[in-house]
Amino acid sequence: MPSRHVIHLGDAWEPPVAAGDRNRFVRRFGRPSGLESGNRVLLVVSDPAVSASVVVNETPLPDVVGGAVRWEYDITPLLRERNELVLLIGMDSDADARMPGAPGTSGRLRLPAASGAVTIEIVAAG
């Protein structure tokens, strides 16, 4: 089984902004260091209670489906030195998804629990 390194993106989200009938949550992150040829970088959402549209560096990805156990997408070819992850969550999907999360690091917010756990997983080649 390939080895995995998991980076949690639960904290440091910008405060949500209304975007039509959805809230727009933004998380910026740097290119993971130490990537080797053949490594894959997966964006993973575990146990989301609500559905969300996902955009990485202005590229729309397949939607996260609320109630799924795990959603993942290989973002390796989309990575830049500085990256932007956007989750668009329906404002009437769930009260928890409408409310800003608790304060996290650097005055940023934690992603609402209904959105699930968002991680980046680096999967080693082989």
N, C-alpha and C. Protein backbone atom coordinates (compact mmCIF):
# COMPACT_ATOMS: atom_id res chain seq x y z
N MET A 1 0.85 -1.19 0.00
CA MET A 1 0.00 0.00 0.00
C MET A 1 0.89 1.24 0.00
N PRO A 2 0.61 2.21 -0.89
CA PRO A 2 1.44 3.41 -0.93
C PRO A 2 1.35 4.21 0.37
N SER A 3 2.46 4.87 0.72
CA SER A 3 2.44 5.70 1.93
C SER A 3 1.73 7.02 1.63
N ARG A 4 1.09 7.57 2.66
CA ARG A 4 0.34 8.83 2.53
C ARG A 4 0.76 9.79 3.63
N HIS A 5 0.87 11.05 3.24
CA HIS A 5 1.09 12.13 4.20
C HIS A 5 -0.15 13.02 4.14
N VAL A 6 -0.79 13.26 5.28
CA VAL A 6 -2.05 13.99 5.32
C VAL A 6 -1.83 15.40 5.89
N ILE A 7 -2.35 16.40 5.18
CA ILE A 7 -2.30 17.80 5.63
C ILE A 7 -3.74 18.24 5.85
N HIS A 8 -4.08 18.62 7.07
CA HIS A 8 -5.45 19.03 7.41
C HIS A 8 -5.66 20.50 7.06
N LEU A 9 -6.78 20.79 6.39
CA LEU A 9 -7.11 22.17 6.00
C LEU A 9 -8.33 22.69 6.77
N GLY A 10 -8.50 22.25 7.99
CA GLY A 10 -9.68 22.63 8.77
C GLY A 10 -9.66 24.06 9.26
N ASP A 11 -8.49 24.60 9.56
CA ASP A 11 -8.37 25.96 10.06
C ASP A 11 -7.89 26.89 8.96
N ALA A 12 -7.93 28.17 9.24
CA ALA A 12 -7.39 29.23 8.39
C ALA A 12 -8.18 29.47 7.11
N TRP A 13 -9.50 29.30 7.15
CA TRP A 13 -10.36 29.66 6.02
C TRP A 13 -10.73 31.12 6.16
N GLU A 14 -10.82 31.82 5.04
CA GLU A 14 -11.27 33.20 5.07
C GLU A 14 -12.74 33.22 5.46
N PRO A 15 -13.20 34.29 6.10
CA PRO A 15 -14.63 34.37 6.42
C PRO A 15 -15.47 34.20 5.17
N PRO A 16 -16.60 33.48 5.27
CA PRO A 16 -17.41 33.21 4.08
C PRO A 16 -18.03 34.48 3.52
N VAL A 17 -18.24 34.46 2.20
CA VAL A 17 -18.86 35.56 1.48
C VAL A 17 -20.06 34.98 0.74
N ALA A 18 -21.19 35.68 0.80
CA ALA A 18 -22.37 35.24 0.06
C ALA A 18 -22.08 35.31 -1.44
N ALA A 19 -22.44 34.23 -2.16
CA ALA A 19 -22.27 34.17 -3.61
C ALA A 19 -23.56 33.59 -4.19
N GLY A 20 -24.52 34.47 -4.44
CA GLY A 20 -25.83 34.00 -4.88
C GLY A 20 -26.52 33.28 -3.74
N ASP A 21 -26.92 32.04 -3.98
CA ASP A 21 -27.60 31.27 -2.94
C ASP A 21 -26.64 30.38 -2.16
N ARG A 22 -25.33 30.67 -2.27
CA ARG A 22 -24.32 29.86 -1.58
C ARG A 22 -23.35 30.74 -0.82
N ASN A 23 -22.63 30.14 0.10
CA ASN A 23 -21.53 30.80 0.78
C ASN A 23 -20.24 30.33 0.15
N ARG A 24 -19.33 31.27 -0.06
CA ARG A 24 -18.03 30.98 -0.68
C ARG A 24 -16.97 30.97 0.42
N PHE A 25 -16.39 29.79 0.66
CA PHE A 25 -15.30 29.64 1.62
C PHE A 25 -14.00 29.49 0.85
N VAL A 26 -12.96 30.25 1.22
CA VAL A 26 -11.69 30.23 0.50
C VAL A 26 -10.58 29.84 1.47
N ARG A 27 -9.70 28.97 0.98
CA ARG A 27 -8.51 28.54 1.74
C ARG A 27 -7.33 28.58 0.79
N ARG A 28 -6.33 29.34 1.14
CA ARG A 28 -5.11 29.41 0.34
C ARG A 28 -4.05 28.52 0.99
N PHE A 29 -3.22 27.92 0.14
CA PHE A 29 -2.17 27.05 0.67
C PHE A 29 -1.01 26.99 -0.33
N GLY A 30 0.17 26.69 0.19
CA GLY A 30 1.35 26.58 -0.66
C GLY A 30 1.48 25.19 -1.25
N ARG A 31 2.28 25.10 -2.29
CA ARG A 31 2.58 23.80 -2.88
C ARG A 31 3.30 22.95 -1.82
N PRO A 32 2.82 21.74 -1.59
CA PRO A 32 3.50 20.90 -0.59
C PRO A 32 4.97 20.71 -0.95
N SER A 33 5.83 20.82 0.04
CA SER A 33 7.26 20.68 -0.21
C SER A 33 7.64 19.20 -0.30
N GLY A 34 8.74 18.95 -0.94
CA GLY A 34 9.27 17.60 -1.01
C GLY A 34 8.56 16.66 -1.96
N LEU A 35 7.74 17.20 -2.87
CA LEU A 35 7.08 16.32 -3.83
C LEU A 35 8.12 15.70 -4.75
N GLU A 36 7.98 14.41 -4.98
CA GLU A 36 8.89 13.70 -5.86
C GLU A 36 8.14 13.26 -7.11
N SER A 37 8.88 12.98 -8.15
CA SER A 37 8.28 12.50 -9.38
C SER A 37 7.43 11.27 -9.09
N GLY A 38 6.23 11.27 -9.61
CA GLY A 38 5.33 10.14 -9.39
C GLY A 38 4.41 10.30 -8.20
N ASN A 39 4.70 11.26 -7.30
CA ASN A 39 3.77 11.52 -6.18
C ASN A 39 2.47 12.08 -6.72
N ARG A 40 1.38 11.74 -6.06
CA ARG A 40 0.08 12.32 -6.39
C ARG A 40 -0.38 13.13 -5.19
N VAL A 41 -1.07 14.24 -5.46
CA VAL A 41 -1.62 15.08 -4.41
C VAL A 41 -3.14 15.04 -4.56
N LEU A 42 -3.80 14.50 -3.55
CA LEU A 42 -5.26 14.35 -3.57
C LEU A 42 -5.90 15.38 -2.65
N LEU A 43 -6.96 16.00 -3.13
CA LEU A 43 -7.83 16.81 -2.28
C LEU A 43 -8.92 15.86 -1.81
N VAL A 44 -9.13 15.80 -0.49
CA VAL A 44 -10.08 14.83 0.07
C VAL A 44 -11.06 15.56 0.99
N VAL A 45 -12.34 15.21 0.88
CA VAL A 45 -13.36 15.68 1.82
C VAL A 45 -13.99 14.42 2.42
N SER A 46 -13.89 14.28 3.73
CA SER A 46 -14.42 13.11 4.42
C SER A 46 -15.67 13.48 5.20
N ASP A 47 -16.69 12.65 5.06
CA ASP A 47 -17.93 12.77 5.83
C ASP A 47 -18.64 14.12 5.71
N PRO A 48 -18.80 14.66 4.50
CA PRO A 48 -19.55 15.92 4.39
C PRO A 48 -21.05 15.69 4.63
N ALA A 49 -21.66 16.54 5.41
CA ALA A 49 -23.11 16.46 5.63
C ALA A 49 -23.86 17.23 4.54
N VAL A 50 -23.18 18.18 3.90
CA VAL A 50 -23.81 19.01 2.86
C VAL A 50 -23.01 18.90 1.57
N SER A 51 -23.68 19.15 0.46
CA SER A 51 -23.02 19.15 -0.84
C SER A 51 -22.29 20.48 -1.04
N ALA A 52 -21.26 20.45 -1.89
CA ALA A 52 -20.50 21.67 -2.16
C ALA A 52 -19.90 21.59 -3.55
N SER A 53 -19.78 22.75 -4.19
CA SER A 53 -19.00 22.86 -5.42
C SER A 53 -17.57 23.16 -5.01
N VAL A 54 -16.62 22.65 -5.79
CA VAL A 54 -15.21 22.78 -5.44
C VAL A 54 -14.47 23.38 -6.63
N VAL A 55 -13.60 24.35 -6.33
CA VAL A 55 -12.78 24.98 -7.36
C VAL A 55 -11.35 25.07 -6.82
N VAL A 56 -10.39 24.62 -7.62
CA VAL A 56 -8.98 24.74 -7.25
C VAL A 56 -8.30 25.56 -8.34
N ASN A 57 -7.70 26.66 -7.93
CA ASN A 57 -6.99 27.54 -8.88
C ASN A 57 -7.84 27.82 -10.12
N GLU A 58 -9.08 28.19 -9.87
CA GLU A 58 -10.04 28.58 -10.90
C GLU A 58 -10.51 27.43 -11.79
N THR A 59 -10.19 26.19 -11.42
CA THR A 59 -10.63 25.01 -12.17
C THR A 59 -11.74 24.31 -11.38
N PRO A 60 -12.96 24.26 -11.92
CA PRO A 60 -14.04 23.56 -11.23
C PRO A 60 -13.78 22.05 -11.21
N LEU A 61 -14.05 21.44 -10.07
CA LEU A 61 -13.92 19.99 -9.90
C LEU A 61 -15.32 19.40 -9.74
N PRO A 62 -15.45 18.08 -9.78
CA PRO A 62 -16.76 17.47 -9.52
C PRO A 62 -17.26 17.87 -8.12
N ASP A 63 -18.58 18.00 -7.99
CA ASP A 63 -19.17 18.40 -6.71
C ASP A 63 -18.97 17.35 -5.63
N VAL A 64 -18.82 17.83 -4.41
CA VAL A 64 -18.87 16.97 -3.23
C VAL A 64 -20.34 16.70 -2.95
N VAL A 65 -20.69 15.45 -2.70
CA VAL A 65 -22.08 15.08 -2.44
C VAL A 65 -22.26 14.90 -0.94
N GLY A 66 -23.21 15.64 -0.38
CA GLY A 66 -23.50 15.52 1.05
C GLY A 66 -23.89 14.09 1.40
N GLY A 67 -23.39 13.59 2.52
CA GLY A 67 -23.69 12.24 2.96
C GLY A 67 -22.70 11.20 2.46
N ALA A 68 -21.79 11.59 1.57
CA ALA A 68 -20.77 10.65 1.08
C ALA A 68 -19.77 10.36 2.20
N VAL A 69 -19.17 9.20 2.15
CA VAL A 69 -18.15 8.86 3.13
C VAL A 69 -16.84 9.57 2.80
N ARG A 70 -16.48 9.57 1.50
CA ARG A 70 -15.20 10.17 1.08
C ARG A 70 -15.33 10.65 -0.36
N TRP A 71 -14.86 11.86 -0.59
CA TRP A 71 -14.75 12.44 -1.93
C TRP A 71 -13.28 12.74 -2.12
N GLU A 72 -12.73 12.40 -3.28
CA GLU A 72 -11.32 12.75 -3.53
C GLU A 72 -11.12 13.08 -4.99
N TYR A 73 -10.11 13.92 -5.23
CA TYR A 73 -9.77 14.32 -6.59
C TYR A 73 -8.27 14.57 -6.65
N ASP A 74 -7.63 14.07 -7.69
CA ASP A 74 -6.19 14.27 -7.88
C ASP A 74 -5.95 15.68 -8.40
N ILE A 75 -5.37 16.54 -7.57
CA ILE A 75 -5.11 17.93 -7.96
C ILE A 75 -3.66 18.17 -8.37
N THR A 76 -2.88 17.10 -8.49
CA THR A 76 -1.45 17.25 -8.83
C THR A 76 -1.23 18.17 -10.02
N PRO A 77 -1.92 17.97 -11.16
CA PRO A 77 -1.64 18.83 -12.31
C PRO A 77 -2.12 20.27 -12.15
N LEU A 78 -2.93 20.54 -11.13
CA LEU A 78 -3.46 21.89 -10.91
C LEU A 78 -2.59 22.73 -9.98
N LEU A 79 -1.63 22.10 -9.30
CA LEU A 79 -0.86 22.79 -8.27
C LEU A 79 0.05 23.86 -8.83
N ARG A 80 0.13 24.96 -8.06
CA ARG A 80 1.05 26.07 -8.31
C ARG A 80 1.84 26.30 -7.03
N GLU A 81 2.73 27.26 -7.05
CA GLU A 81 3.46 27.60 -5.81
C GLU A 81 2.49 28.08 -4.73
N ARG A 82 1.52 28.93 -5.12
CA ARG A 82 0.45 29.38 -4.22
C ARG A 82 -0.86 28.93 -4.83
N ASN A 83 -1.75 28.38 -4.01
CA ASN A 83 -2.98 27.76 -4.49
C ASN A 83 -4.19 28.32 -3.77
N GLU A 84 -5.33 28.25 -4.45
CA GLU A 84 -6.58 28.71 -3.86
C GLU A 84 -7.63 27.61 -4.00
N LEU A 85 -8.18 27.22 -2.87
CA LEU A 85 -9.26 26.24 -2.80
C LEU A 85 -10.54 26.97 -2.42
N VAL A 86 -11.59 26.78 -3.21
CA VAL A 86 -12.88 27.42 -2.94
C VAL A 86 -13.93 26.34 -2.77
N LEU A 87 -14.71 26.43 -1.69
CA LEU A 87 -15.89 25.59 -1.49
C LEU A 87 -17.10 26.49 -1.54
N LEU A 88 -18.06 26.14 -2.37
CA LEU A 88 -19.32 26.88 -2.46
C LEU A 88 -20.40 25.99 -1.87
N ILE A 89 -20.95 26.44 -0.74
CA ILE A 89 -21.91 25.63 0.02
C ILE A 89 -23.25 26.34 0.04
N GLY A 90 -24.31 25.61 -0.31
CA GLY A 90 -25.67 26.17 -0.31
C GLY A 90 -26.03 26.75 1.04
N MET A 91 -26.55 28.00 1.03
CA MET A 91 -26.85 28.67 2.29
C MET A 91 -28.01 28.04 3.02
N ASP A 92 -28.91 27.34 2.32
CA ASP A 92 -30.01 26.72 3.03
C ASP A 92 -29.81 25.21 3.17
N SER A 93 -28.58 24.73 2.89
CA SER A 93 -28.30 23.31 3.00
C SER A 93 -28.36 22.85 4.45
N ASP A 94 -27.83 23.67 5.34
CA ASP A 94 -27.74 23.27 6.73
C ASP A 94 -27.36 24.50 7.54
N ALA A 95 -27.96 24.67 8.69
CA ALA A 95 -27.66 25.84 9.51
C ALA A 95 -26.18 25.94 9.81
N ASP A 96 -25.53 24.82 10.07
CA ASP A 96 -24.11 24.83 10.40
C ASP A 96 -23.27 25.32 9.23
N ALA A 97 -23.67 25.03 8.00
CA ALA A 97 -22.91 25.46 6.83
C ALA A 97 -23.09 26.96 6.57
N ARG A 98 -24.15 27.56 7.11
CA ARG A 98 -24.37 28.99 6.91
C ARG A 98 -23.56 29.82 7.89
N MET A 99 -23.26 29.25 9.02
CA MET A 99 -22.59 30.00 10.07
C MET A 99 -21.08 29.91 9.92
N PRO A 100 -20.38 31.00 10.16
CA PRO A 100 -18.92 30.92 10.17
C PRO A 100 -18.47 29.95 11.25
N GLY A 101 -17.36 29.30 11.00
CA GLY A 101 -16.80 28.39 12.00
C GLY A 101 -16.19 29.17 13.15
N ALA A 102 -15.71 28.45 14.12
CA ALA A 102 -15.05 29.06 15.27
C ALA A 102 -13.72 29.66 14.83
N PRO A 103 -13.24 30.68 15.56
CA PRO A 103 -11.94 31.25 15.18
C PRO A 103 -10.86 30.18 15.17
N GLY A 104 -10.02 30.23 14.16
CA GLY A 104 -8.91 29.28 14.03
C GLY A 104 -7.60 30.03 14.19
N THR A 105 -6.62 29.68 13.40
CA THR A 105 -5.31 30.30 13.48
C THR A 105 -5.30 31.62 12.72
N SER A 106 -4.50 32.55 13.16
CA SER A 106 -4.29 33.83 12.48
C SER A 106 -5.57 34.60 12.20
N GLY A 107 -6.58 34.50 13.08
CA GLY A 107 -7.81 35.23 12.89
C GLY A 107 -8.69 34.66 11.80
N ARG A 108 -8.30 33.56 11.23
CA ARG A 108 -9.11 32.90 10.20
C ARG A 108 -10.13 32.01 10.89
N LEU A 109 -10.97 31.36 10.10
CA LEU A 109 -12.03 30.54 10.67
C LEU A 109 -11.84 29.07 10.36
N ARG A 110 -12.40 28.23 11.22
CA ARG A 110 -12.49 26.81 10.91
C ARG A 110 -13.65 26.62 9.95
N LEU A 111 -13.51 25.68 9.06
CA LEU A 111 -14.59 25.34 8.15
C LEU A 111 -15.73 24.74 8.97
N PRO A 112 -16.99 25.08 8.66
CA PRO A 112 -18.11 24.50 9.41
C PRO A 112 -18.07 22.97 9.38
N ALA A 113 -18.43 22.35 10.48
CA ALA A 113 -18.37 20.89 10.60
C ALA A 113 -19.20 20.19 9.54
N ALA A 114 -20.31 20.77 9.13
CA ALA A 114 -21.18 20.14 8.12
C ALA A 114 -20.47 19.96 6.79
N SER A 115 -19.41 20.70 6.55
CA SER A 115 -18.67 20.60 5.30
C SER A 115 -17.78 19.37 5.25
N GLY A 116 -17.57 18.73 6.38
CA GLY A 116 -16.70 17.56 6.44
C GLY A 116 -15.26 17.97 6.72
N ALA A 117 -14.40 16.98 6.81
CA ALA A 117 -12.98 17.23 7.04
C ALA A 117 -12.28 17.36 5.69
N VAL A 118 -11.59 18.48 5.48
CA VAL A 118 -10.90 18.72 4.22
C VAL A 118 -9.40 18.53 4.44
N THR A 119 -8.82 17.67 3.62
CA THR A 119 -7.39 17.38 3.73
C THR A 119 -6.76 17.32 2.35
N ILE A 120 -5.44 17.44 2.36
CA ILE A 120 -4.63 17.16 1.18
C ILE A 120 -3.83 15.92 1.55
N GLU A 121 -3.84 14.93 0.68
CA GLU A 121 -3.07 13.71 0.92
C GLU A 121 -2.03 13.56 -0.17
N ILE A 122 -0.78 13.44 0.26
CA ILE A 122 0.30 13.21 -0.68
C ILE A 122 0.54 11.70 -0.69
N VAL A 123 0.37 11.11 -1.86
CA VAL A 123 0.52 9.66 -2.01
C VAL A 123 1.84 9.40 -2.74
N ALA A 124 2.72 8.68 -2.06
CA ALA A 124 4.02 8.38 -2.64
C ALA A 124 3.87 7.39 -3.79
N ALA A 125 4.73 7.55 -4.79
CA ALA A 125 4.71 6.62 -5.92
C ALA A 125 5.08 5.22 -5.44
N GLY A 126 4.52 4.24 -6.12
CA GLY A 126 4.86 2.84 -5.80
C GLY A 126 3.87 2.27 -4.95
